[in-house]
Amino acid sequence: MAIAPEALFHALSDSTRLRILALLANVEELCVCELTEALDLSQPMISRHLAQLRASELVSDRRAGQWVYYRLHFKLPKWAQRVLAETRAGIARDKPFRSDIQTVRRLRAKPSNRCA
């Protein structure tokens, strides 16, 4: 897979896409409902950004019933994985990124809140 560096850095330049990528770099996969709750944004807004990330091949998705789960694309080049890992590590303690991951952890601690 050959992702253009411009595609990755364009994605990182938008705060919503940056937050999504940071969460996906921290958690194996997330459902749209988890992203909506963590980022406190509407489902259509989250879906629009996910569509852009999917089109640029930064994320992949899988369907499970009515739910769609997203993860970092498994064929991301090593350099792109390193950029995302370093970015996540660098922003992990800052708002809103710290609260995003705390919300996801809280959601996952209560199985009844998980997407089925």
C-alpha atoms as a PDB file:
ATOM      1  CA  MET A   1       0.000   0.000   0.000  1.00  0.00           C
ATOM      2  CA  ALA A   2       1.377   3.366  -0.968  1.00  0.00           C
ATOM      3  CA  ILE A   3      -0.318   6.169   0.870  1.00  0.00           C
ATOM      4  CA  ALA A   4       0.634   9.678  -0.154  1.00  0.00           C
ATOM      5  CA  PRO A   5       2.235  11.628   2.693  1.00  0.00           C
ATOM      6  CA  GLU A   6      -0.057  14.542   1.802  1.00  0.00           C
ATOM      7  CA  ALA A   7      -3.108  12.366   2.541  1.00  0.00           C
ATOM      8  CA  LEU A   8      -1.876  11.520   6.028  1.00  0.00           C
ATOM      9  CA  PHE A   9      -0.875  15.052   6.911  1.00  0.00           C
ATOM     10  CA  HIS A  10      -4.096  16.448   5.448  1.00  0.00           C
ATOM     11  CA  ALA A  11      -6.025  14.070   7.696  1.00  0.00           C
ATOM     12  CA  LEU A  12      -3.979  15.119  10.723  1.00  0.00           C
ATOM     13  CA  SER A  13      -4.545  18.810   9.960  1.00  0.00           C
ATOM     14  CA  ASP A  14      -8.244  18.565  10.843  1.00  0.00           C
ATOM     15  CA  SER A  15      -8.986  18.384  14.571  1.00  0.00           C
ATOM     16  CA  THR A  16     -11.834  15.869  14.241  1.00  0.00           C
ATOM     17  CA  ARG A  17      -9.853  13.523  12.006  1.00  0.00           C
ATOM     18  CA  LEU A  18      -6.828  13.919  14.285  1.00  0.00           C
ATOM     19  CA  ARG A  19      -8.930  12.907  17.282  1.00  0.00           C
ATOM     20  CA  ILE A  20     -10.365   9.910  15.406  1.00  0.00           C
ATOM     21  CA  LEU A  21      -6.923   8.741  14.285  1.00  0.00           C
ATOM     22  CA  ALA A  22      -5.494   9.233  17.780  1.00  0.00           C
ATOM     23  CA  LEU A  23      -8.262   7.071  19.245  1.00  0.00           C
ATOM     24  CA  LEU A  24      -7.835   4.394  16.590  1.00  0.00           C
ATOM     25  CA  ALA A  25      -4.085   4.386  17.230  1.00  0.00           C
ATOM     26  CA  ASN A  26      -4.886   3.724  20.890  1.00  0.00           C
ATOM     27  CA  VAL A  27      -7.740   1.215  20.547  1.00  0.00           C
ATOM     28  CA  GLU A  28      -7.877  -1.650  18.056  1.00  0.00           C
ATOM     29  CA  GLU A  29     -11.264  -0.682  16.601  1.00  0.00           C
ATOM     30  CA  LEU A  30     -14.177   1.572  17.401  1.00  0.00           C
ATOM     31  CA  CYS A  31     -17.801   1.716  16.385  1.00  0.00           C
ATOM     32  CA  VAL A  32     -19.304   4.944  15.087  1.00  0.00           C
ATOM     33  CA  CYS A  33     -21.422   5.121  18.246  1.00  0.00           C
ATOM     34  CA  GLU A  34     -18.287   5.007  20.428  1.00  0.00           C
ATOM     35  CA  LEU A  35     -16.635   7.740  18.355  1.00  0.00           C
ATOM     36  CA  THR A  36     -19.784   9.858  18.540  1.00  0.00           C
ATOM     37  CA  GLU A  37     -19.850   9.591  22.316  1.00  0.00           C
ATOM     38  CA  ALA A  38     -16.103  10.085  22.812  1.00  0.00           C
ATOM     39  CA  LEU A  39     -15.847  13.136  20.568  1.00  0.00           C
ATOM     40  CA  ASP A  40     -19.282  14.512  21.528  1.00  0.00           C
ATOM     41  CA  LEU A  41     -20.113  15.120  17.876  1.00  0.00           C
ATOM     42  CA  SER A  42     -23.068  14.138  15.721  1.00  0.00           C
ATOM     43  CA  GLN A  43     -23.151  10.817  13.906  1.00  0.00           C
ATOM     44  CA  PRO A  44     -23.342  12.475  10.463  1.00  0.00           C
ATOM     45  CA  MET A  45     -20.235  14.559  11.219  1.00  0.00           C
ATOM     46  CA  ILE A  46     -18.288  11.538  12.462  1.00  0.00           C
ATOM     47  CA  SER A  47     -19.401   9.502   9.443  1.00  0.00           C
ATOM     48  CA  ARG A  48     -18.338  12.246   7.031  1.00  0.00           C
ATOM     49  CA  HIS A  49     -14.832  12.331   8.507  1.00  0.00           C
ATOM     50  CA  LEU A  50     -14.623   8.539   8.561  1.00  0.00           C
ATOM     51  CA  ALA A  51     -15.596   8.453   4.881  1.00  0.00           C
ATOM     52  CA  GLN A  52     -12.704  10.814   4.116  1.00  0.00           C
ATOM     53  CA  LEU A  53     -10.295   8.684   6.143  1.00  0.00           C
ATOM     54  CA  ARG A  54     -11.543   5.538   4.418  1.00  0.00           C
ATOM     55  CA  ALA A  55     -11.216   7.144   0.963  1.00  0.00           C
ATOM     56  CA  SER A  56      -7.598   8.064   1.731  1.00  0.00           C
ATOM     57  CA  GLU A  57      -7.045   4.455   2.911  1.00  0.00           C
ATOM     58  CA  LEU A  58      -5.995   5.478   6.405  1.00  0.00           C
ATOM     59  CA  VAL A  59      -8.794   3.463   8.003  1.00  0.00           C
ATOM     60  CA  SER A  60     -10.736   0.371   7.075  1.00  0.00           C
ATOM     61  CA  ASP A  61     -14.160  -0.734   8.223  1.00  0.00           C
ATOM     62  CA  ARG A  62     -16.131  -3.868   8.887  1.00  0.00           C
ATOM     63  CA  ARG A  63     -19.850  -4.383   9.298  1.00  0.00           C
ATOM     64  CA  ALA A  64     -21.373  -6.359  12.140  1.00  0.00           C
ATOM     65  CA  GLY A  65     -25.143  -6.256  11.823  1.00  0.00           C
ATOM     66  CA  GLN A  66     -26.239  -2.646  11.943  1.00  0.00           C
ATOM     67  CA  TRP A  67     -22.908  -1.449  13.335  1.00  0.00           C
ATOM     68  CA  VAL A  68     -19.816  -0.349  11.434  1.00  0.00           C
ATOM     69  CA  TYR A  69     -16.440  -0.661  13.143  1.00  0.00           C
ATOM     70  CA  TYR A  70     -13.346   1.279  12.109  1.00  0.00           C
ATOM     71  CA  ARG A  71      -9.655   0.634  12.619  1.00  0.00           C
ATOM     72  CA  LEU A  72      -6.387   1.905  11.224  1.00  0.00           C
ATOM     73  CA  HIS A  73      -5.867   0.294   7.851  1.00  0.00           C
ATOM     74  CA  PHE A  74      -3.889  -2.905   8.349  1.00  0.00           C
ATOM     75  CA  LYS A  75      -1.729  -2.133   5.298  1.00  0.00           C
ATOM     76  CA  LEU A  76      -0.565   1.285   6.473  1.00  0.00           C
ATOM     77  CA  PRO A  77       3.123   1.674   5.664  1.00  0.00           C
ATOM     78  CA  LYS A  78       5.529   1.558   8.591  1.00  0.00           C
ATOM     79  CA  TRP A  79       6.392   5.254   8.233  1.00  0.00           C
ATOM     80  CA  ALA A  80       2.686   6.188   8.536  1.00  0.00           C
ATOM     81  CA  GLN A  81       2.270   3.900  11.558  1.00  0.00           C
ATOM     82  CA  ARG A  82       5.254   5.604  13.216  1.00  0.00           C
ATOM     83  CA  VAL A  83       3.850   9.086  12.497  1.00  0.00           C
ATOM     84  CA  LEU A  84       0.508   8.117  14.042  1.00  0.00           C
ATOM     85  CA  ALA A  85       2.152   6.446  17.049  1.00  0.00           C
ATOM     86  CA  GLU A  86       4.367   9.465  17.736  1.00  0.00           C
ATOM     87  CA  THR A  87       1.458  11.855  17.247  1.00  0.00           C
ATOM     88  CA  ARG A  88      -0.726   9.868  19.645  1.00  0.00           C
ATOM     89  CA  ALA A  89       2.047   9.740  22.230  1.00  0.00           C
ATOM     90  CA  GLY A  90       2.705  13.454  21.902  1.00  0.00           C
ATOM     91  CA  ILE A  91      -0.905  14.542  22.394  1.00  0.00           C
ATOM     92  CA  ALA A  92      -2.122  11.855  24.805  1.00  0.00           C
ATOM     93  CA  ARG A  93      -2.022  14.095  27.881  1.00  0.00           C
ATOM     94  CA  ASP A  94      -3.616  17.130  26.234  1.00  0.00           C
ATOM     95  CA  LYS A  95      -7.262  18.075  26.008  1.00  0.00           C
ATOM     96  CA  PRO A  96      -9.409  16.964  24.275  1.00  0.00           C
ATOM     97  CA  PHE A  97      -7.402  13.826  23.497  1.00  0.00           C
ATOM     98  CA  ARG A  98      -7.057  12.747  27.124  1.00  0.00           C
ATOM     99  CA  SER A  99     -10.802  12.990  27.700  1.00  0.00           C
ATOM    100  CA  ASP A 100     -11.514  11.181  24.399  1.00  0.00           C
ATOM    101  CA  ILE A 101      -9.624   8.087  25.507  1.00  0.00           C
ATOM    102  CA  GLN A 102     -11.069   8.280  29.026  1.00  0.00           C
ATOM    103  CA  THR A 103     -14.573   8.287  27.546  1.00  0.00           C
ATOM    104  CA  VAL A 104     -13.785   5.248  25.382  1.00  0.00           C
ATOM    105  CA  ARG A 105     -12.357   3.397  28.380  1.00  0.00           C
ATOM    106  CA  ARG A 106     -15.447   4.259  30.435  1.00  0.00           C
ATOM    107  CA  LEU A 107     -17.734   3.033  27.636  1.00  0.00           C
ATOM    108  CA  ARG A 108     -15.815  -0.210  27.284  1.00  0.00           C
ATOM    109  CA  ALA A 109     -15.873  -0.823  31.041  1.00  0.00           C
ATOM    110  CA  LYS A 110     -19.673  -1.113  30.834  1.00  0.00           C
ATOM    111  CA  PRO A 111     -20.558  -3.885  28.390  1.00  0.00           C
ATOM    112  CA  SER A 112     -24.167  -2.653  28.214  1.00  0.00           C
ATOM    113  CA  ASN A 113     -22.883   0.569  26.607  1.00  0.00           C
ATOM    114  CA  ARG A 114     -20.996  -1.260  23.847  1.00  0.00           C
ATOM    115  CA  CYS A 115     -22.277  -1.497  20.333  1.00  0.00           C
ATOM    116  CA  ALA A 116     -23.641  -4.975  19.755  1.00  0.00           C
END
